[in-house]
Amino acid sequence: MPPESPSRATDRLDDDDYPAYTMGRAAEMIGATPGFLRAIGEARLITPLRSEGGHRRYSRYQLRIAARARELVDAGTPIDAACRIVILEDQLEEALRLNEELRRPAVGRDDPDS
C-alpha cells in the first residue's frame, strides 16, 4: 500500500470523526480510565471503531461526548443516566443547528413575499 500524501494525512487529523486515539490515550485525554470508556461503550453512548488488530479507536467528537459524560458522573449522576443526558443534549444541539439552518434564507432562492 503506498504511503498517504501529507495533505490527506493532515485532512484526517482535522476530521472530528476520524478515529485517531487509542483507548489509553483517549482515557488520558479526558482524565478517565479505560474501564470508563468501556462502560460508556456498553451503555451505547459511543461506539469506538476498531483497528485492524481489534483495538478500540476514538475520534475527537467521541472524546467530547465521553468528557461530558465524565463530568456528569463526577457530579454524582449514575452512568446510565449520564449517558442518556448526553444523548439528549447532543440531539437537542443537532435540532437547534438544523432549525437555525432552515431559518436562514437560501442563497439564490426566490422569496415569495417580495
C-alpha atoms as a PDB file:
ATOM      1  CA  MET A   1       0.000   0.000   0.000  1.00  0.00           C
ATOM      2  CA  PRO A   2       1.518   3.375  -0.987  1.00  0.00           C
ATOM      3  CA  PRO A   3       2.013   5.957   1.752  1.00  0.00           C
ATOM      4  CA  GLU A   4      -0.589   8.692   2.080  1.00  0.00           C
ATOM      5  CA  SER A   5       0.152  12.143   0.817  1.00  0.00           C
ATOM      6  CA  PRO A   6       0.897  14.678   3.575  1.00  0.00           C
ATOM      7  CA  SER A   7      -2.215  16.713   2.710  1.00  0.00           C
ATOM      8  CA  ARG A   8      -4.504  13.682   3.050  1.00  0.00           C
ATOM      9  CA  ALA A   9      -2.970  12.763   6.404  1.00  0.00           C
ATOM     10  CA  THR A  10      -3.493  16.350   7.609  1.00  0.00           C
ATOM     11  CA  ASP A  11      -7.119  16.251   6.417  1.00  0.00           C
ATOM     12  CA  ARG A  12      -7.711  13.185   8.586  1.00  0.00           C
ATOM     13  CA  LEU A  13      -6.248  14.890  11.643  1.00  0.00           C
ATOM     14  CA  ASP A  14      -8.609  17.827  11.094  1.00  0.00           C
ATOM     15  CA  ASP A  15     -11.603  15.455  10.856  1.00  0.00           C
ATOM     16  CA  ASP A  16     -13.584  15.340  14.146  1.00  0.00           C
ATOM     17  CA  ASP A  17     -14.854  11.867  13.226  1.00  0.00           C
ATOM     18  CA  TYR A  18     -11.501  10.270  12.371  1.00  0.00           C
ATOM     19  CA  PRO A  19     -10.691   7.575  14.980  1.00  0.00           C
ATOM     20  CA  ALA A  20      -7.180   8.756  15.824  1.00  0.00           C
ATOM     21  CA  TYR A  21      -6.866   7.934  19.530  1.00  0.00           C
ATOM     22  CA  THR A  22      -6.186   4.634  21.241  1.00  0.00           C
ATOM     23  CA  MET A  23      -8.143   3.709  24.333  1.00  0.00           C
ATOM     24  CA  GLY A  24      -5.246   4.545  26.648  1.00  0.00           C
ATOM     25  CA  ARG A  25      -4.621   7.923  25.055  1.00  0.00           C
ATOM     26  CA  ALA A  26      -8.344   8.725  24.938  1.00  0.00           C
ATOM     27  CA  ALA A  27      -8.763   7.884  28.629  1.00  0.00           C
ATOM     28  CA  GLU A  28      -5.742  10.001  29.498  1.00  0.00           C
ATOM     29  CA  MET A  29      -7.050  12.954  27.487  1.00  0.00           C
ATOM     30  CA  ILE A  30     -10.396  13.066  29.321  1.00  0.00           C
ATOM     31  CA  GLY A  31      -8.996  12.137  32.728  1.00  0.00           C
ATOM     32  CA  ALA A  32     -10.810   8.822  32.914  1.00  0.00           C
ATOM     33  CA  THR A  33      -9.924   5.149  32.956  1.00  0.00           C
ATOM     34  CA  PRO A  34     -10.177   2.685  30.095  1.00  0.00           C
ATOM     35  CA  GLY A  35     -12.902   0.998  32.157  1.00  0.00           C
ATOM     36  CA  PHE A  36     -14.963   4.184  31.998  1.00  0.00           C
ATOM     37  CA  LEU A  37     -14.649   4.232  28.202  1.00  0.00           C
ATOM     38  CA  ARG A  38     -15.700   0.585  28.057  1.00  0.00           C
ATOM     39  CA  ALA A  39     -18.684   1.330  30.321  1.00  0.00           C
ATOM     40  CA  ILE A  40     -19.986   4.184  28.178  1.00  0.00           C
ATOM     41  CA  GLY A  41     -19.442   1.979  25.143  1.00  0.00           C
ATOM     42  CA  GLU A  42     -21.561  -0.745  26.760  1.00  0.00           C
ATOM     43  CA  ALA A  43     -24.197   1.903  27.516  1.00  0.00           C
ATOM     44  CA  ARG A  44     -24.065   2.719  23.768  1.00  0.00           C
ATOM     45  CA  LEU A  45     -23.148   6.348  24.288  1.00  0.00           C
ATOM     46  CA  ILE A  46     -20.221   5.972  21.904  1.00  0.00           C
ATOM     47  CA  THR A  47     -19.140   3.131  19.665  1.00  0.00           C
ATOM     48  CA  PRO A  48     -15.416   3.220  19.005  1.00  0.00           C
ATOM     49  CA  LEU A  49     -14.139   1.964  15.707  1.00  0.00           C
ATOM     50  CA  ARG A  50     -11.727  -0.952  15.719  1.00  0.00           C
ATOM     51  CA  SER A  51      -8.260  -1.064  14.216  1.00  0.00           C
ATOM     52  CA  GLU A  52      -7.233  -3.978  12.028  1.00  0.00           C
ATOM     53  CA  GLY A  53      -5.829  -5.579  15.185  1.00  0.00           C
ATOM     54  CA  GLY A  54      -9.161  -5.161  17.001  1.00  0.00           C
ATOM     55  CA  HIS A  55      -8.100  -2.271  19.244  1.00  0.00           C
ATOM     56  CA  ARG A  56     -10.596   0.474  20.048  1.00  0.00           C
ATOM     57  CA  ARG A  57     -10.017   3.858  18.376  1.00  0.00           C
ATOM     58  CA  TYR A  58     -11.771   7.091  19.359  1.00  0.00           C
ATOM     59  CA  SER A  59     -12.442  10.322  17.479  1.00  0.00           C
ATOM     60  CA  ARG A  60     -12.322  13.850  18.865  1.00  0.00           C
ATOM     61  CA  TYR A  61     -16.109  14.014  18.678  1.00  0.00           C
ATOM     62  CA  GLN A  62     -16.384  10.830  20.753  1.00  0.00           C
ATOM     63  CA  LEU A  63     -13.915  12.232  23.273  1.00  0.00           C
ATOM     64  CA  ARG A  64     -16.031  15.371  23.709  1.00  0.00           C
ATOM     65  CA  ILE A  65     -19.078  13.179  24.339  1.00  0.00           C
ATOM     66  CA  ALA A  66     -17.120  10.991  26.776  1.00  0.00           C
ATOM     67  CA  ALA A  67     -15.747  14.033  28.612  1.00  0.00           C
ATOM     68  CA  ARG A  68     -19.276  15.405  29.113  1.00  0.00           C
ATOM     69  CA  ALA A  69     -20.431  12.025  30.484  1.00  0.00           C
ATOM     70  CA  ARG A  70     -17.441  12.012  32.828  1.00  0.00           C
ATOM     71  CA  GLU A  71     -18.402  15.480  34.133  1.00  0.00           C
ATOM     72  CA  LEU A  72     -21.884  14.233  34.958  1.00  0.00           C
ATOM     73  CA  VAL A  73     -20.620  11.041  36.595  1.00  0.00           C
ATOM     74  CA  ASP A  74     -18.091  13.029  38.630  1.00  0.00           C
ATOM     75  CA  ALA A  75     -21.003  15.193  39.840  1.00  0.00           C
ATOM     76  CA  GLY A  76     -22.783  12.085  41.137  1.00  0.00           C
ATOM     77  CA  THR A  77     -25.020  11.142  38.217  1.00  0.00           C
ATOM     78  CA  PRO A  78     -25.286   7.370  37.634  1.00  0.00           C
ATOM     79  CA  ILE A  79     -23.504   6.355  34.426  1.00  0.00           C
ATOM     80  CA  ASP A  80     -26.656   5.173  32.623  1.00  0.00           C
ATOM     81  CA  ALA A  81     -28.428   8.461  33.412  1.00  0.00           C
ATOM     82  CA  ALA A  82     -25.342  10.460  32.399  1.00  0.00           C
ATOM     83  CA  CYS A  83     -25.262   8.665  29.051  1.00  0.00           C
ATOM     84  CA  ARG A  84     -28.949   9.381  28.465  1.00  0.00           C
ATOM     85  CA  ILE A  85     -28.474  13.065  29.358  1.00  0.00           C
ATOM     86  CA  VAL A  86     -25.546  13.385  26.952  1.00  0.00           C
ATOM     87  CA  ILE A  87     -27.530  11.723  24.161  1.00  0.00           C
ATOM     88  CA  LEU A  88     -30.422  14.131  24.719  1.00  0.00           C
ATOM     89  CA  GLU A  89     -28.075  17.138  24.847  1.00  0.00           C
ATOM     90  CA  ASP A  90     -26.483  16.029  21.574  1.00  0.00           C
ATOM     91  CA  GLN A  91     -29.894  15.559  19.928  1.00  0.00           C
ATOM     92  CA  LEU A  92     -31.018  18.998  21.106  1.00  0.00           C
ATOM     93  CA  GLU A  93     -27.842  20.628  19.775  1.00  0.00           C
ATOM     94  CA  GLU A  94     -28.367  18.984  16.386  1.00  0.00           C
ATOM     95  CA  ALA A  95     -32.053  20.014  16.287  1.00  0.00           C
ATOM     96  CA  LEU A  96     -31.149  23.618  17.121  1.00  0.00           C
ATOM     97  CA  ARG A  97     -28.461  23.606  14.422  1.00  0.00           C
ATOM     98  CA  LEU A  98     -30.921  22.290  11.827  1.00  0.00           C
ATOM     99  CA  ASN A  99     -33.573  24.777  12.909  1.00  0.00           C
ATOM    100  CA  GLU A 100     -31.129  27.662  12.514  1.00  0.00           C
ATOM    101  CA  GLU A 101     -30.050  26.352   9.119  1.00  0.00           C
ATOM    102  CA  LEU A 102     -33.652  26.185   7.927  1.00  0.00           C
ATOM    103  CA  ARG A 103     -34.392  29.703   9.168  1.00  0.00           C
ATOM    104  CA  ARG A 104     -31.540  31.236   7.152  1.00  0.00           C
ATOM    105  CA  PRO A 105     -32.588  32.398   3.694  1.00  0.00           C
ATOM    106  CA  ALA A 106     -31.188  30.235   0.941  1.00  0.00           C
ATOM    107  CA  VAL A 107     -28.846  31.977  -1.466  1.00  0.00           C
ATOM    108  CA  GLY A 108     -30.478  32.402  -4.836  1.00  0.00           C
ATOM    109  CA  ARG A 109     -33.920  31.273  -3.657  1.00  0.00           C
ATOM    110  CA  ASP A 110     -36.828  33.449  -4.763  1.00  0.00           C
ATOM    111  CA  ASP A 111     -38.728  34.961  -1.838  1.00  0.00           C
ATOM    112  CA  PRO A 112     -42.482  34.629  -2.484  1.00  0.00           C
ATOM    113  CA  ASP A 113     -43.173  37.518  -0.082  1.00  0.00           C
ATOM    114  CA  SER A 114     -41.040  40.005  -2.048  1.00  0.00           C
END
